[in-house]
Amino acid sequence: MRVKFRKYSWQLAPGHIRDIRQRVFVEEQNVPPELEWDDTDEIADHYLAVLPDNTPVGVARLFSTLGETGHIGRMAILPGFRGRGIGEALLHHLISEAAGHFDELRLSAQEHAISFYQRSGFHVCSSPYDDAGIPHVDMRCLSPELVACEIDQRTAPMILGEDSETWLFSNEHHMVSLMDSMVGQAGQRLWLYDRFLDHDLYDRHRFRELVSALARMHRLSDIRLLIHDDKPLVKRRHQLVELMRRLPSRIELRLVNDDYPVDDQPFLLADRSGVLYRHDFYKPEGFAKFSDGGRVKLLGENFQRMWDTGRSSLELRELPL
């Protein structure tokens, strides 16, 4: 179904936006009015979906926190127009609007709608919780720019264990986006093999927070960093090293033993299905696959062999906290 989208500030928004939210959230879902109408409306952009004859059928809002993370909310489609792809088209429009402005998109999803958002590149990032008497989960998209370009060509884009398509990258920006999206979904295992822990790639606040969340998520979290050279880590404080030394039972680093055969290409493995593979240690070129158990198994065996013959870094162990 063809649908158009119009954007408004709250001050200039037509009554249709309030009417649709009132009907769907307050009347249909019994959300208390004092929760539905909040101060965020004043700072958000509001979107109205209309049919070619200008019939209003759906709404949503988009706002940011500190200009870094975009938040999608208050998505609602009128009952008589559901099941026609309008909600998905509206969500795709919001992602496209946000791409290039935000490195991350977040939303609070009702539990029954999780698969709807997963089809557009969002993954669950919280435990279930109650909001206005309705079970919800937090979801996020860590690569809105890449998802916006591919959203109509892929099923469950960048969902770990679901998206079997290959994502090619040839620059650092795209590589980092894919890597963060994969690490952010790992539930237990993260194995990383590289020449060294390049500061531009791995010494970033968001990457540290994603690794930290994984390390604290599960008592059996298995995070291994396997590198050839630890000298850059000794010369300059690295966020992953600090995290590793605070969580020694969850994160471990070893140095490759060059006397044994080693791989010539770096890679990252997430759980049993995700792989990010580079063709060269010194270039941000390669591919990512979010569901490739066969390749992950093969690379995991190679990683384990190199890990078993590796050694601890005495220099890092002697650094003060």
Protein backbone atom coordinates (compact mmCIF):
# COMPACT_ATOMS: atom_id res chain seq x y z
CA MET A 1 0.00 0.00 0.00
CA ARG A 2 1.34 3.43 -0.95
CA VAL A 3 1.84 5.71 2.01
CA LYS A 4 3.37 9.16 2.55
CA PHE A 5 5.04 10.59 5.65
CA ARG A 6 4.93 14.09 7.07
CA LYS A 7 7.15 15.46 9.83
CA TYR A 8 6.10 18.03 12.43
CA SER A 9 7.23 19.64 15.64
CA TRP A 10 4.83 19.11 18.54
CA GLN A 11 3.81 22.77 18.44
CA LEU A 12 2.74 22.52 14.78
CA ALA A 13 1.52 18.92 14.76
CA PRO A 14 -2.03 18.41 13.47
CA GLY A 15 -4.67 16.95 15.76
CA HIS A 16 -4.51 13.63 13.89
CA ILE A 17 -1.29 12.73 15.69
CA ARG A 18 -2.81 13.15 19.13
CA ASP A 19 -6.05 11.49 18.02
CA ILE A 20 -4.30 8.32 16.77
CA ARG A 21 -2.21 7.97 19.92
CA GLN A 22 -5.27 8.56 22.09
CA ARG A 23 -7.23 5.88 20.26
CA VAL A 24 -4.47 3.25 20.11
CA PHE A 25 -2.60 3.67 23.39
CA VAL A 26 -5.09 5.22 25.80
CA GLU A 27 -8.37 3.66 24.61
CA GLU A 28 -7.25 0.38 23.02
CA GLN A 29 -4.27 -0.52 25.22
CA ASN A 30 -5.40 1.23 28.41
CA VAL A 31 -2.23 3.27 28.86
CA PRO A 32 -2.86 5.93 31.54
CA PRO A 33 -3.06 9.40 29.96
CA GLU A 34 -0.45 10.74 32.38
CA LEU A 35 2.04 8.23 30.95
CA GLU A 36 1.10 8.72 27.32
CA TRP A 37 1.54 12.47 27.25
CA ASP A 38 5.00 13.46 28.45
CA ASP A 39 7.58 16.23 28.12
CA THR A 40 9.45 14.31 25.42
CA ASP A 41 6.77 15.31 22.93
CA GLU A 42 8.12 18.88 23.11
CA ILE A 43 11.60 17.89 21.89
CA ALA A 44 10.68 15.12 19.43
CA ASP A 45 9.99 15.12 15.71
CA HIS A 46 6.54 13.66 15.05
CA TYR A 47 5.67 11.67 11.94
CA LEU A 48 2.24 11.17 10.43
CA ALA A 49 1.61 8.41 7.88
CA VAL A 50 -1.10 9.23 5.36
CA LEU A 51 -2.62 7.41 2.39
CA PRO A 52 -2.61 8.98 -1.10
CA ASP A 53 -6.02 10.51 -0.34
CA ASN A 54 -4.53 12.09 2.84
CA THR A 55 -6.29 9.72 5.23
CA PRO A 56 -4.15 9.65 8.43
CA VAL A 57 -3.34 6.07 9.43
CA GLY A 58 -0.26 6.01 11.70
CA VAL A 59 2.14 8.00 13.85
CA ALA A 60 5.59 7.81 15.47
CA ARG A 61 8.11 10.11 17.09
CA LEU A 62 11.91 10.41 16.97
CA PHE A 63 14.16 12.24 19.42
CA SER A 64 17.77 12.13 20.54
CA THR A 65 19.76 12.04 23.77
CA LEU A 66 22.95 14.10 23.75
CA GLY A 67 22.77 14.11 19.97
CA GLU A 68 24.33 10.62 19.80
CA THR A 69 21.50 8.11 20.16
CA GLY A 70 18.18 8.33 18.39
CA HIS A 71 15.03 7.05 20.10
CA ILE A 72 11.96 5.85 18.21
CA GLY A 73 8.70 5.70 20.08
CA ARG A 74 4.94 6.02 20.14
CA MET A 75 4.54 4.03 16.92
CA ALA A 76 0.87 3.33 16.30
CA ILE A 77 -1.23 2.25 13.32
CA LEU A 78 -5.01 2.55 13.41
CA PRO A 79 -6.74 -0.87 13.75
CA GLY A 80 -8.43 -0.79 10.35
CA PHE A 81 -5.11 -0.32 8.53
CA ARG A 82 -2.91 -2.92 10.20
CA GLY A 83 -1.44 -5.84 8.32
CA ARG A 84 -0.85 -3.80 5.17
CA GLY A 85 2.83 -2.99 5.66
CA ILE A 86 2.23 0.57 6.84
CA GLY A 87 4.00 0.08 10.17
CA GLU A 88 7.04 -1.40 8.48
CA ALA A 89 7.14 1.41 5.93
CA LEU A 90 6.92 3.96 8.73
CA LEU A 91 9.75 2.28 10.66
CA HIS A 92 11.92 2.17 7.52
CA HIS A 93 11.27 5.85 6.97
CA LEU A 94 12.38 6.66 10.53
CA ILE A 95 15.56 4.61 10.13
CA SER A 96 16.36 6.41 6.89
CA GLU A 97 15.70 9.77 8.56
CA ALA A 98 18.05 8.86 11.42
CA ALA A 99 20.83 7.33 9.29
CA GLY A 100 23.82 9.64 9.10
CA HIS A 101 22.71 11.51 12.23
CA PHE A 102 22.94 8.77 14.87
CA ASP A 103 25.28 5.83 15.38
CA GLU A 104 22.62 4.03 17.38
CA LEU A 105 18.83 3.80 17.44
CA ARG A 106 16.83 2.58 20.41
CA LEU A 107 13.20 1.81 21.10
CA SER A 108 10.99 0.15 23.67
CA ALA A 109 9.07 -2.70 22.05
CA GLN A 110 6.05 -4.59 23.24
CA GLU A 111 7.03 -8.25 23.49
CA HIS A 112 4.65 -9.40 20.78
CA ALA A 113 6.31 -6.97 18.33
CA ILE A 114 9.92 -8.16 18.78
CA SER A 115 10.03 -10.03 15.46
CA PHE A 116 8.56 -7.00 13.69
CA TYR A 117 11.50 -4.85 14.77
CA GLN A 118 14.05 -7.62 14.18
CA ARG A 119 13.06 -7.68 10.52
CA SER A 120 14.37 -4.11 10.36
CA GLY A 121 17.68 -4.65 12.12
CA PHE A 122 16.83 -4.13 15.81
CA HIS A 123 17.95 -6.64 18.43
CA VAL A 124 16.84 -7.14 22.04
CA CYS A 125 19.20 -5.56 24.58
CA SER A 126 17.35 -5.90 27.91
CA SER A 127 15.35 -8.26 30.03
CA PRO A 128 11.55 -7.99 29.83
CA TYR A 129 9.94 -5.29 31.95
CA ASP A 130 6.50 -3.86 32.56
CA ASP A 131 5.48 -0.52 31.08
CA ALA A 132 1.93 0.67 31.69
CA GLY A 133 0.92 -2.94 32.40
CA ILE A 134 2.31 -4.21 29.06
CA PRO A 135 5.43 -6.45 28.78
CA HIS A 136 8.24 -4.64 26.96
CA VAL A 137 11.91 -5.08 26.03
CA ASP A 138 14.49 -2.54 24.95
CA MET A 139 15.81 -2.96 21.42
CA ARG A 140 18.58 -1.22 19.52
CA CYS A 141 20.11 -0.92 16.07
CA LEU A 142 23.86 -0.23 16.19
CA SER A 143 24.26 0.30 12.44
CA PRO A 144 21.33 2.42 11.23
CA GLU A 145 23.28 3.81 8.27
CA LEU A 146 24.07 0.35 6.88
CA VAL A 147 20.61 -1.01 7.66
CA ALA A 148 18.97 1.92 5.89
CA CYS A 149 20.83 1.05 2.68
CA GLU A 150 19.91 -2.63 2.74
CA ILE A 151 16.64 -2.75 4.64
CA ASP A 152 14.47 -3.74 1.69
CA GLN A 153 16.86 -6.40 0.38
CA ARG A 154 17.56 -8.44 3.52
CA THR A 155 15.63 -10.49 6.05
CA ALA A 156 16.45 -9.73 9.69
CA PRO A 157 19.44 -7.54 8.77
CA MET A 158 22.38 -7.95 11.18
CA ILE A 159 20.44 -10.17 13.61
CA LEU A 160 22.88 -12.66 15.10
CA GLY A 161 21.90 -16.21 14.22
CA GLU A 162 19.25 -15.06 11.71
CA ASP A 163 20.86 -12.98 8.94
CA SER A 164 22.74 -15.37 6.64
CA GLU A 165 23.64 -12.74 4.03
CA THR A 166 27.20 -11.48 3.58
CA TRP A 167 28.00 -7.89 4.53
CA LEU A 168 31.06 -6.57 2.68
CA PHE A 169 33.06 -3.67 4.05
CA SER A 170 35.94 -1.68 2.55
CA ASN A 171 36.39 1.14 5.06
CA GLU A 172 36.86 1.48 8.79
CA HIS A 173 33.53 3.17 9.44
CA HIS A 174 31.47 0.32 8.02
CA MET A 175 33.71 -2.27 9.62
CA VAL A 176 33.29 -0.70 13.05
CA SER A 177 29.51 -0.53 12.63
CA LEU A 178 29.30 -4.22 11.74
CA MET A 179 31.66 -5.21 14.53
CA ASP A 180 29.74 -3.28 17.18
CA SER A 181 26.43 -4.69 16.00
CA MET A 182 27.79 -8.23 16.23
CA VAL A 183 29.48 -7.80 19.64
CA GLY A 184 26.38 -6.08 21.00
CA GLN A 185 24.34 -9.23 20.34
CA ALA A 186 26.79 -11.85 21.62
CA GLY A 187 25.33 -13.78 24.52
CA GLN A 188 28.39 -15.59 25.87
CA ARG A 189 31.40 -15.95 23.59
CA LEU A 190 33.63 -13.34 21.95
CA TRP A 191 36.93 -14.45 20.43
CA LEU A 192 39.11 -11.80 18.78
CA TYR A 193 42.29 -12.42 16.81
CA ASP A 194 44.35 -9.53 15.43
CA ARG A 195 47.90 -8.26 15.05
CA PHE A 196 47.40 -5.86 17.95
CA LEU A 197 44.49 -4.09 19.61
CA ASP A 198 44.43 -1.09 17.32
CA HIS A 199 43.32 1.97 19.27
CA ASP A 200 41.07 3.29 16.50
CA LEU A 201 39.20 -0.02 16.28
CA TYR A 202 39.12 -1.36 19.82
CA ASP A 203 40.00 1.49 22.19
CA ARG A 204 36.59 3.11 21.85
CA HIS A 205 34.07 3.86 24.58
CA ARG A 206 31.17 2.10 22.86
CA PHE A 207 33.20 -1.02 22.10
CA ARG A 208 34.39 -1.13 25.70
CA GLU A 209 30.82 -0.83 26.96
CA LEU A 210 29.63 -3.62 24.67
CA VAL A 211 32.42 -5.94 25.81
CA SER A 212 31.83 -4.98 29.44
CA ALA A 213 28.11 -5.77 29.15
CA LEU A 214 28.91 -9.18 27.67
CA ALA A 215 31.46 -9.94 30.38
CA ARG A 216 28.97 -9.14 33.12
CA MET A 217 25.99 -10.78 31.42
CA HIS A 218 26.80 -14.40 32.16
CA ARG A 219 29.01 -16.13 34.73
CA LEU A 220 30.34 -18.32 31.91
CA SER A 221 31.12 -15.43 29.57
CA ASP A 222 34.11 -16.34 27.41
CA ILE A 223 36.00 -13.33 26.06
CA ARG A 224 39.42 -14.00 24.61
CA LEU A 225 41.80 -11.52 22.99
CA LEU A 226 44.59 -13.11 20.97
CA ILE A 227 47.23 -10.77 19.52
CA HIS A 228 50.79 -10.74 18.21
CA ASP A 229 52.08 -7.52 19.73
CA ASP A 230 51.35 -6.03 23.15
CA LYS A 231 53.84 -3.13 23.00
CA PRO A 232 51.22 -0.55 21.89
CA LEU A 233 49.13 -1.55 24.92
CA VAL A 234 52.02 -0.96 27.28
CA LYS A 235 52.90 2.43 25.81
CA ARG A 236 49.36 3.81 25.90
CA ARG A 237 46.52 3.04 28.29
CA HIS A 238 43.86 0.96 26.54
CA GLN A 239 40.24 0.68 27.67
CA LEU A 240 40.05 -3.04 26.96
CA VAL A 241 43.17 -3.69 29.01
CA GLU A 242 41.73 -1.80 31.96
CA LEU A 243 38.49 -3.75 31.61
CA MET A 244 40.35 -7.04 31.34
CA ARG A 245 42.31 -6.37 34.52
CA ARG A 246 39.13 -5.54 36.41
CA LEU A 247 37.35 -8.66 35.16
CA PRO A 248 40.19 -11.21 34.94
CA SER A 249 37.91 -14.21 35.24
CA ARG A 250 35.77 -13.07 32.28
CA ILE A 251 38.31 -11.53 29.87
CA GLU A 252 41.71 -12.98 29.01
CA LEU A 253 44.48 -11.85 26.67
CA ARG A 254 47.24 -13.98 25.20
CA LEU A 255 50.12 -13.45 22.79
CA VAL A 256 50.51 -15.66 19.74
CA ASN A 257 53.45 -18.05 19.72
CA ASP A 258 55.05 -17.35 16.34
CA ASP A 259 56.95 -20.63 16.47
CA TYR A 260 53.70 -22.37 15.58
CA PRO A 261 51.56 -21.90 12.44
CA VAL A 262 49.26 -18.88 12.75
CA ASP A 263 46.52 -17.36 10.59
CA ASP A 264 47.41 -14.43 8.33
CA GLN A 265 43.99 -12.79 8.53
CA PRO A 266 42.35 -11.29 11.64
CA PHE A 267 38.83 -12.24 12.66
CA LEU A 268 36.21 -11.87 15.36
CA LEU A 269 33.80 -14.63 16.41
CA ALA A 270 30.54 -13.95 18.28
CA ASP A 271 28.86 -16.94 19.92
CA ARG A 272 28.54 -19.86 17.49
CA SER A 273 27.20 -17.99 14.50
CA GLY A 274 28.77 -14.56 13.93
CA VAL A 275 32.05 -13.83 12.15
CA LEU A 276 33.78 -10.63 11.05
CA TYR A 277 36.76 -11.45 8.83
CA ARG A 278 39.44 -9.17 7.40
CA HIS A 279 41.59 -10.05 4.41
CA ASP A 280 44.64 -8.27 5.80
CA PHE A 281 45.96 -7.17 9.19
CA TYR A 282 46.52 -3.64 7.95
CA LYS A 283 43.42 -2.88 5.88
CA PRO A 284 39.74 -2.50 6.90
CA GLU A 285 38.53 -4.77 4.10
CA GLY A 286 36.59 -7.99 4.45
CA PHE A 287 33.15 -9.31 5.27
CA ALA A 288 30.78 -10.02 8.15
CA LYS A 289 28.22 -12.79 8.46
CA PHE A 290 25.78 -12.95 11.34
CA SER A 291 24.74 -16.56 10.75
CA ASP A 292 27.51 -18.79 9.46
CA GLY A 293 27.98 -21.65 11.90
CA GLY A 294 30.20 -23.66 9.56
CA ARG A 295 32.76 -20.91 9.07
CA VAL A 296 32.65 -19.99 12.76
CA LYS A 297 33.37 -23.61 13.71
CA LEU A 298 36.38 -23.78 11.38
CA LEU A 299 37.83 -20.46 12.51
CA GLY A 300 37.09 -21.37 16.12
CA GLU A 301 39.22 -24.49 15.78
CA ASN A 302 42.06 -22.41 14.36
CA PHE A 303 41.68 -19.89 17.17
CA GLN A 304 41.72 -22.60 19.83
CA ARG A 305 44.93 -24.07 18.38
CA MET A 306 46.67 -20.67 18.44
CA TRP A 307 45.27 -19.95 21.90
CA ASP A 308 46.55 -23.22 23.36
CA THR A 309 50.09 -22.45 22.22
CA GLY A 310 49.95 -18.77 23.22
CA ARG A 311 51.37 -17.10 26.32
CA SER A 312 50.33 -14.41 28.79
CA SER A 313 51.67 -10.86 28.58
CA LEU A 314 54.05 -10.23 31.48
CA GLU A 315 54.25 -6.53 30.62
CA LEU A 316 50.51 -6.02 30.94
CA ARG A 317 50.38 -7.99 34.15
CA GLU A 318 52.89 -5.61 35.75
CA LEU A 319 51.02 -2.44 34.78
CA PRO A 320 49.35 -0.64 37.73
CA LEU A 321 45.58 -0.42 37.76
